[in-house]
C-alpha atoms as a PDB file:
ATOM      1  CA  MET A   1     142.874 -20.198 114.994  1.00  0.00           C
ATOM      2  CA  SER A   2     144.356 -23.684 114.901  1.00  0.00           C
ATOM      3  CA  LEU A   3     143.016 -27.194 115.115  1.00  0.00           C
ATOM      4  CA  ASP A   4     143.478 -29.290 118.240  1.00  0.00           C
ATOM      5  CA  ARG A   5     142.828 -32.601 116.510  1.00  0.00           C
ATOM      6  CA  LEU A   6     142.737 -34.076 113.014  1.00  0.00           C
ATOM      7  CA  VAL A   7     141.004 -37.340 112.087  1.00  0.00           C
ATOM      8  CA  LEU A   8     141.981 -38.939 108.759  1.00  0.00           C
ATOM      9  CA  TRP A   9     139.474 -41.637 107.739  1.00  0.00           C
ATOM     10  CA  ARG A  10     140.018 -44.033 104.846  1.00  0.00           C
ATOM     11  CA  HIS A  11     137.114 -45.131 102.649  1.00  0.00           C
ATOM     12  CA  GLY A  12     135.546 -48.586 102.799  1.00  0.00           C
ATOM     13  CA  GLU A  13     136.408 -51.560 100.618  1.00  0.00           C
ATOM     14  CA  THR A  14     135.938 -51.137  96.863  1.00  0.00           C
ATOM     15  CA  ASP A  15     135.540 -53.615  94.041  1.00  0.00           C
ATOM     16  CA  TYR A  16     139.142 -52.839  93.031  1.00  0.00           C
ATOM     17  CA  ASN A  17     140.404 -53.407  96.592  1.00  0.00           C
ATOM     18  CA  ALA A  18     138.687 -56.792  96.595  1.00  0.00           C
ATOM     19  CA  ALA A  19     140.175 -57.685  93.203  1.00  0.00           C
ATOM     20  CA  GLY A  20     143.696 -56.482  94.082  1.00  0.00           C
ATOM     21  CA  ARG A  21     143.765 -53.806  91.397  1.00  0.00           C
ATOM     22  CA  ILE A  22     145.328 -50.338  91.543  1.00  0.00           C
ATOM     23  CA  GLN A  23     142.785 -47.512  91.670  1.00  0.00           C
ATOM     24  CA  GLY A  24     144.474 -44.129  91.905  1.00  0.00           C
ATOM     25  CA  HIS A  25     142.092 -41.594  90.377  1.00  0.00           C
ATOM     26  CA  LEU A  26     139.774 -44.246  88.904  1.00  0.00           C
ATOM     27  CA  ASP A  27     136.315 -43.605  90.338  1.00  0.00           C
ATOM     28  CA  THR A  28     135.509 -47.012  91.799  1.00  0.00           C
ATOM     29  CA  SER A  29     132.544 -47.970  93.985  1.00  0.00           C
ATOM     30  CA  LEU A  30     132.214 -49.484  97.435  1.00  0.00           C
ATOM     31  CA  THR A  31     131.367 -53.165  97.688  1.00  0.00           C
ATOM     32  CA  GLU A  32     128.532 -54.300  99.945  1.00  0.00           C
ATOM     33  CA  ASN A  33     131.210 -55.051 102.519  1.00  0.00           C
ATOM     34  CA  GLY A  34     132.629 -51.547 102.080  1.00  0.00           C
ATOM     35  CA  ILE A  35     129.216 -49.998 102.671  1.00  0.00           C
ATOM     36  CA  ALA A  36     128.815 -52.115 105.816  1.00  0.00           C
ATOM     37  CA  GLN A  37     132.292 -51.044 106.985  1.00  0.00           C
ATOM     38  CA  ALA A  38     131.363 -47.388 106.564  1.00  0.00           C
ATOM     39  CA  HIS A  39     128.136 -47.752 108.549  1.00  0.00           C
ATOM     40  CA  ARG A  40     129.923 -49.701 111.274  1.00  0.00           C
ATOM     41  CA  ALA A  41     132.679 -47.086 111.632  1.00  0.00           C
ATOM     42  CA  ALA A  42     130.539 -43.962 111.236  1.00  0.00           C
ATOM     43  CA  PRO A  43     129.357 -43.757 114.891  1.00  0.00           C
ATOM     44  CA  ALA A  44     132.975 -43.991 116.104  1.00  0.00           C
ATOM     45  CA  ILE A  45     133.995 -41.221 113.703  1.00  0.00           C
ATOM     46  CA  ALA A  46     131.032 -39.095 114.782  1.00  0.00           C
ATOM     47  CA  ALA A  47     132.117 -39.552 118.417  1.00  0.00           C
ATOM     48  CA  PHE A  48     135.171 -37.396 117.649  1.00  0.00           C
ATOM     49  CA  GLU A  49     132.646 -34.550 117.235  1.00  0.00           C
ATOM     50  CA  PRO A  50     134.378 -32.794 114.342  1.00  0.00           C
ATOM     51  CA  GLU A  51     133.701 -29.111 113.850  1.00  0.00           C
ATOM     52  CA  VAL A  52     134.250 -29.434 110.121  1.00  0.00           C
ATOM     53  CA  ALA A  53     134.421 -32.346 107.658  1.00  0.00           C
ATOM     54  CA  VAL A  54     135.937 -32.468 104.182  1.00  0.00           C
ATOM     55  CA  GLY A  55     136.571 -35.389 101.845  1.00  0.00           C
ATOM     56  CA  SER A  56     137.725 -36.571  98.464  1.00  0.00           C
ATOM     57  CA  ASP A  57     135.243 -36.182  95.617  1.00  0.00           C
ATOM     58  CA  LEU A  58     135.819 -39.738  94.376  1.00  0.00           C
ATOM     59  CA  ARG A  59     132.771 -41.975  94.901  1.00  0.00           C
ATOM     60  CA  ARG A  60     134.399 -44.412  97.303  1.00  0.00           C
ATOM     61  CA  ALA A  61     135.230 -41.580  99.700  1.00  0.00           C
ATOM     62  CA  SER A  62     131.975 -39.655  99.251  1.00  0.00           C
ATOM     63  CA  ALA A  63     129.915 -42.813  99.868  1.00  0.00           C
ATOM     64  CA  THR A  64     131.907 -43.492 103.034  1.00  0.00           C
ATOM     65  CA  ALA A  65     131.470 -39.884 104.157  1.00  0.00           C
ATOM     66  CA  ALA A  66     127.716 -40.193 103.574  1.00  0.00           C
ATOM     67  CA  ALA A  67     127.549 -42.804 106.342  1.00  0.00           C
ATOM     68  CA  PHE A  68     129.086 -40.246 108.721  1.00  0.00           C
ATOM     69  CA  THR A  69     126.591 -37.585 107.603  1.00  0.00           C
ATOM     70  CA  GLU A  70     123.721 -40.002 108.188  1.00  0.00           C
ATOM     71  CA  VAL A  71     124.815 -40.490 111.803  1.00  0.00           C
ATOM     72  CA  SER A  72     125.986 -36.957 112.626  1.00  0.00           C
ATOM     73  CA  GLY A  73     123.862 -34.730 110.413  1.00  0.00           C
ATOM     74  CA  MET A  74     127.041 -32.907 109.364  1.00  0.00           C
ATOM     75  CA  PRO A  75     127.683 -32.426 105.633  1.00  0.00           C
ATOM     76  CA  VAL A  76     131.093 -33.330 104.236  1.00  0.00           C
ATOM     77  CA  ARG A  77     132.491 -30.786 101.779  1.00  0.00           C
ATOM     78  CA  GLN A  78     134.256 -32.319  98.787  1.00  0.00           C
ATOM     79  CA  ASP A  79     137.731 -31.259  97.669  1.00  0.00           C
ATOM     80  CA  LYS A  80     139.466 -32.850  94.689  1.00  0.00           C
ATOM     81  CA  ARG A  81     142.864 -32.167  96.296  1.00  0.00           C
ATOM     82  CA  LEU A  82     142.047 -35.079  98.609  1.00  0.00           C
ATOM     83  CA  ARG A  83     141.923 -37.616  95.782  1.00  0.00           C
ATOM     84  CA  GLU A  84     144.165 -40.662  95.970  1.00  0.00           C
ATOM     85  CA  THR A  85     147.616 -40.676  94.365  1.00  0.00           C
ATOM     86  CA  HIS A  86     147.394 -40.520  90.581  1.00  0.00           C
ATOM     87  CA  LEU A  87     149.189 -43.681  89.497  1.00  0.00           C
ATOM     88  CA  GLY A  88     149.385 -42.907  85.798  1.00  0.00           C
ATOM     89  CA  GLU A  89     149.793 -45.915  83.528  1.00  0.00           C
ATOM     90  CA  TRP A  90     149.433 -48.306  86.456  1.00  0.00           C
ATOM     91  CA  GLN A  91     145.813 -47.441  87.189  1.00  0.00           C
ATOM     92  CA  GLY A  92     143.491 -50.400  86.701  1.00  0.00           C
ATOM     93  CA  LEU A  93     146.312 -52.947  86.743  1.00  0.00           C
ATOM     94  CA  SER A  94     147.138 -55.653  89.250  1.00  0.00           C
ATOM     95  CA  GLY A  95     150.491 -55.752  91.016  1.00  0.00           C
ATOM     96  CA  ALA A  96     151.528 -58.681  88.812  1.00  0.00           C
ATOM     97  CA  GLU A  97     150.676 -56.740  85.657  1.00  0.00           C
ATOM     98  CA  VAL A  98     152.721 -53.765  86.862  1.00  0.00           C
ATOM     99  CA  GLU A  99     155.671 -56.029  87.613  1.00  0.00           C
ATOM    100  CA  HIS A 100     155.396 -57.589  84.162  1.00  0.00           C
ATOM    101  CA  GLY A 101     155.287 -54.222  82.375  1.00  0.00           C
ATOM    102  CA  TRP A 102     157.741 -52.343  84.610  1.00  0.00           C
ATOM    103  CA  PRO A 103     160.011 -54.918  86.268  1.00  0.00           C
ATOM    104  CA  GLY A 104     161.296 -53.730  89.646  1.00  0.00           C
ATOM    105  CA  SER A 105     159.408 -50.427  89.553  1.00  0.00           C
ATOM    106  CA  MET A 106     156.851 -51.396  92.178  1.00  0.00           C
ATOM    107  CA  ALA A 107     159.653 -51.971  94.691  1.00  0.00           C
ATOM    108  CA  VAL A 108     161.172 -48.583  93.850  1.00  0.00           C
ATOM    109  CA  TRP A 109     157.798 -46.879  94.312  1.00  0.00           C
ATOM    110  CA  ARG A 110     157.281 -48.546  97.685  1.00  0.00           C
ATOM    111  CA  SER A 111     160.720 -47.518  98.943  1.00  0.00           C
ATOM    112  CA  ASP A 112     161.067 -43.974  97.551  1.00  0.00           C
ATOM    113  CA  SER A 113     158.371 -41.388  98.305  1.00  0.00           C
ATOM    114  CA  THR A 114     159.817 -38.975  95.723  1.00  0.00           C
ATOM    115  CA  TRP A 115     159.426 -41.469  92.843  1.00  0.00           C
ATOM    116  CA  ALA A 116     156.310 -41.436  90.651  1.00  0.00           C
ATOM    117  CA  PRO A 117     154.909 -44.147  88.357  1.00  0.00           C
ATOM    118  CA  PRO A 118     154.915 -43.264  84.650  1.00  0.00           C
ATOM    119  CA  GLY A 119     152.375 -40.506  84.086  1.00  0.00           C
ATOM    120  CA  GLY A 120     151.562 -40.349  87.785  1.00  0.00           C
ATOM    121  CA  GLU A 121     152.571 -38.463  90.917  1.00  0.00           C
ATOM    122  CA  SER A 122     154.789 -39.189  93.911  1.00  0.00           C
ATOM    123  CA  ARG A 123     153.748 -39.520  97.554  1.00  0.00           C
ATOM    124  CA  VAL A 124     155.439 -36.195  98.247  1.00  0.00           C
ATOM    125  CA  GLU A 125     153.299 -34.467  95.621  1.00  0.00           C
ATOM    126  CA  VAL A 126     150.118 -36.055  96.996  1.00  0.00           C
ATOM    127  CA  ALA A 127     151.019 -35.070 100.552  1.00  0.00           C
ATOM    128  CA  GLU A 128     151.623 -31.457  99.521  1.00  0.00           C
ATOM    129  CA  ARG A 129     148.222 -31.015  97.889  1.00  0.00           C
ATOM    130  CA  ALA A 130     146.529 -32.637 100.895  1.00  0.00           C
ATOM    131  CA  PHE A 131     148.595 -30.473 103.258  1.00  0.00           C
ATOM    132  CA  GLU A 132     147.150 -27.387 101.561  1.00  0.00           C
ATOM    133  CA  VAL A 133     143.664 -28.517 102.593  1.00  0.00           C
ATOM    134  CA  VAL A 134     144.709 -29.139 106.197  1.00  0.00           C
ATOM    135  CA  ASP A 135     146.508 -25.790 106.316  1.00  0.00           C
ATOM    136  CA  GLU A 136     143.299 -24.042 105.240  1.00  0.00           C
ATOM    137  CA  LEU A 137     141.270 -25.939 107.854  1.00  0.00           C
ATOM    138  CA  ASP A 138     143.880 -25.076 110.446  1.00  0.00           C
ATOM    139  CA  SER A 139     143.567 -21.362 109.791  1.00  0.00           C
ATOM    140  CA  ALA A 140     139.756 -21.356 109.925  1.00  0.00           C
ATOM    141  CA  HIS A 141     138.765 -23.801 112.656  1.00  0.00           C
ATOM    142  CA  ARG A 142     139.464 -24.916 116.202  1.00  0.00           C
ATOM    143  CA  ALA A 143     138.831 -28.265 117.886  1.00  0.00           C
ATOM    144  CA  THR A 144     138.562 -31.256 115.507  1.00  0.00           C
ATOM    145  CA  ALA A 145     138.526 -31.621 111.723  1.00  0.00           C
ATOM    146  CA  LEU A 146     137.616 -34.792 109.807  1.00  0.00           C
ATOM    147  CA  VAL A 147     139.168 -35.699 106.471  1.00  0.00           C
ATOM    148  CA  CYS A 148     137.665 -38.653 104.561  1.00  0.00           C
ATOM    149  CA  ALA A 149     140.123 -39.773 101.916  1.00  0.00           C
ATOM    150  CA  HIS A 150     142.375 -42.582 100.702  1.00  0.00           C
ATOM    151  CA  GLY A 151     145.078 -44.843 102.102  1.00  0.00           C
ATOM    152  CA  GLY A 152     148.037 -43.578 100.109  1.00  0.00           C
ATOM    153  CA  LEU A 153     147.123 -39.951 100.680  1.00  0.00           C
ATOM    154  CA  ILE A 154     146.606 -40.518 104.403  1.00  0.00           C
ATOM    155  CA  THR A 155     150.000 -42.152 104.939  1.00  0.00           C
ATOM    156  CA  GLY A 156     151.817 -39.426 103.014  1.00  0.00           C
ATOM    157  CA  LEU A 157     149.876 -36.636 104.720  1.00  0.00           C
ATOM    158  CA  THR A 158     150.532 -38.143 108.149  1.00  0.00           C
ATOM    159  CA  ALA A 159     154.277 -38.208 107.545  1.00  0.00           C
ATOM    160  CA  ARG A 160     154.161 -34.653 106.172  1.00  0.00           C
ATOM    161  CA  LEU A 161     152.258 -33.337 109.206  1.00  0.00           C
ATOM    162  CA  LEU A 162     154.674 -35.067 111.571  1.00  0.00           C
ATOM    163  CA  GLU A 163     157.533 -33.371 109.689  1.00  0.00           C
ATOM    164  CA  TRP A 164     159.343 -36.654 109.124  1.00  0.00           C
ATOM    165  CA  PRO A 165     162.320 -36.740 106.742  1.00  0.00           C
ATOM    166  CA  VAL A 166     161.075 -37.965 103.369  1.00  0.00           C
ATOM    167  CA  GLU A 167     163.333 -41.012 103.495  1.00  0.00           C
ATOM    168  CA  MET A 168     161.366 -42.215 106.538  1.00  0.00           C
ATOM    169  CA  TRP A 169     157.894 -41.903 104.998  1.00  0.00           C
ATOM    170  CA  THR A 170     157.739 -45.453 103.679  1.00  0.00           C
ATOM    171  CA  GLY A 171     158.214 -46.702 107.258  1.00  0.00           C
ATOM    172  CA  LEU A 172     154.538 -45.997 107.913  1.00  0.00           C
ATOM    173  CA  GLY A 173     152.361 -49.036 107.328  1.00  0.00           C
ATOM    174  CA  GLY A 174     149.161 -48.967 105.348  1.00  0.00           C
ATOM    175  CA  VAL A 175     145.772 -47.890 106.642  1.00  0.00           C
ATOM    176  CA  SER A 176     143.053 -50.533 106.315  1.00  0.00           C
ATOM    177  CA  ASN A 177     139.691 -49.860 104.704  1.00  0.00           C
ATOM    178  CA  CYS A 178     137.493 -47.651 106.922  1.00  0.00           C
ATOM    179  CA  HIS A 179     140.259 -47.310 109.537  1.00  0.00           C
ATOM    180  CA  TRP A 180     141.555 -43.984 110.745  1.00  0.00           C
ATOM    181  CA  VAL A 181     144.521 -41.929 111.914  1.00  0.00           C
ATOM    182  CA  VAL A 182     144.292 -39.345 114.694  1.00  0.00           C
ATOM    183  CA  LEU A 183     146.773 -36.510 115.195  1.00  0.00           C
ATOM    184  CA  THR A 184     146.623 -34.052 118.098  1.00  0.00           C
ATOM    185  CA  ARG A 185     148.303 -30.710 118.518  1.00  0.00           C
ATOM    186  CA  HIS A 186     150.960 -30.348 121.224  1.00  0.00           C
ATOM    187  CA  ALA A 187     149.789 -27.551 123.520  1.00  0.00           C
ATOM    188  CA  VAL A 188     153.265 -26.033 123.916  1.00  0.00           C
ATOM    189  CA  THR A 189     155.110 -26.630 120.646  1.00  0.00           C
ATOM    190  CA  GLY A 190     152.084 -26.476 118.363  1.00  0.00           C
ATOM    191  CA  ARG A 191     153.391 -29.484 116.421  1.00  0.00           C
ATOM    192  CA  TRP A 192     151.274 -32.463 115.445  1.00  0.00           C
ATOM    193  CA  ARG A 193     151.612 -35.701 117.390  1.00  0.00           C
ATOM    194  CA  LEU A 194     150.409 -39.132 116.269  1.00  0.00           C
ATOM    195  CA  THR A 195     147.968 -40.570 118.821  1.00  0.00           C
ATOM    196  CA  THR A 196     146.194 -43.284 116.784  1.00  0.00           C
ATOM    197  CA  TYR A 197     147.341 -45.077 113.631  1.00  0.00           C
ATOM    198  CA  ASN A 198     145.140 -47.561 111.753  1.00  0.00           C
ATOM    199  CA  GLY A 199     142.446 -47.486 114.415  1.00  0.00           C
ATOM    200  CA  GLY A 200     139.222 -49.239 113.530  1.00  0.00           C
ATOM    201  CA  MET A 201     136.158 -51.188 114.513  1.00  0.00           C
ATOM    202  CA  PRO A 202     136.209 -54.972 115.062  1.00  0.00           C
ATOM    203  CA  ALA A 203     135.223 -56.881 111.947  1.00  0.00           C
END
């Protein structure tokens, strides 16, 4: 078996997103706006008609996934391998606080996918654990799979699935809250192709 399509859906806005603070593995909650984003996007996600759905076990992702379940009736299995990048000592801080404590390190992190914040993990490491989940889905299902996760994980996983050289990974832009990425399988080569990046509903 192999999947024909993969939909990667980022969670809605959180209190930390709104405040400009770094979350990582911190288990933050959706804001009222984030809940509204999830309910607005859920019918569009359901229209992909996924055969299987799996998501991060962090509350911001599980609450977003619940909006999909409400519309589709399909449960979303949780998998901790789909958690956001662990950002170590930076978690809970603002960008300015990181720059004050680790001058220049934020720029290094943004430009080098192999570099990890102190006590944290790199984009490459995050992509590999997420790739394991997709590989398992790929061996057990056909048609479409939905993954409800986090922005940093989604960008790294997308680059990994497209088999981009690691030095090119940071060329992918961010994925907005409750927006999605769609990859489809090439019928001949079997390789993933990017068909939608940062797709979303009008605000």
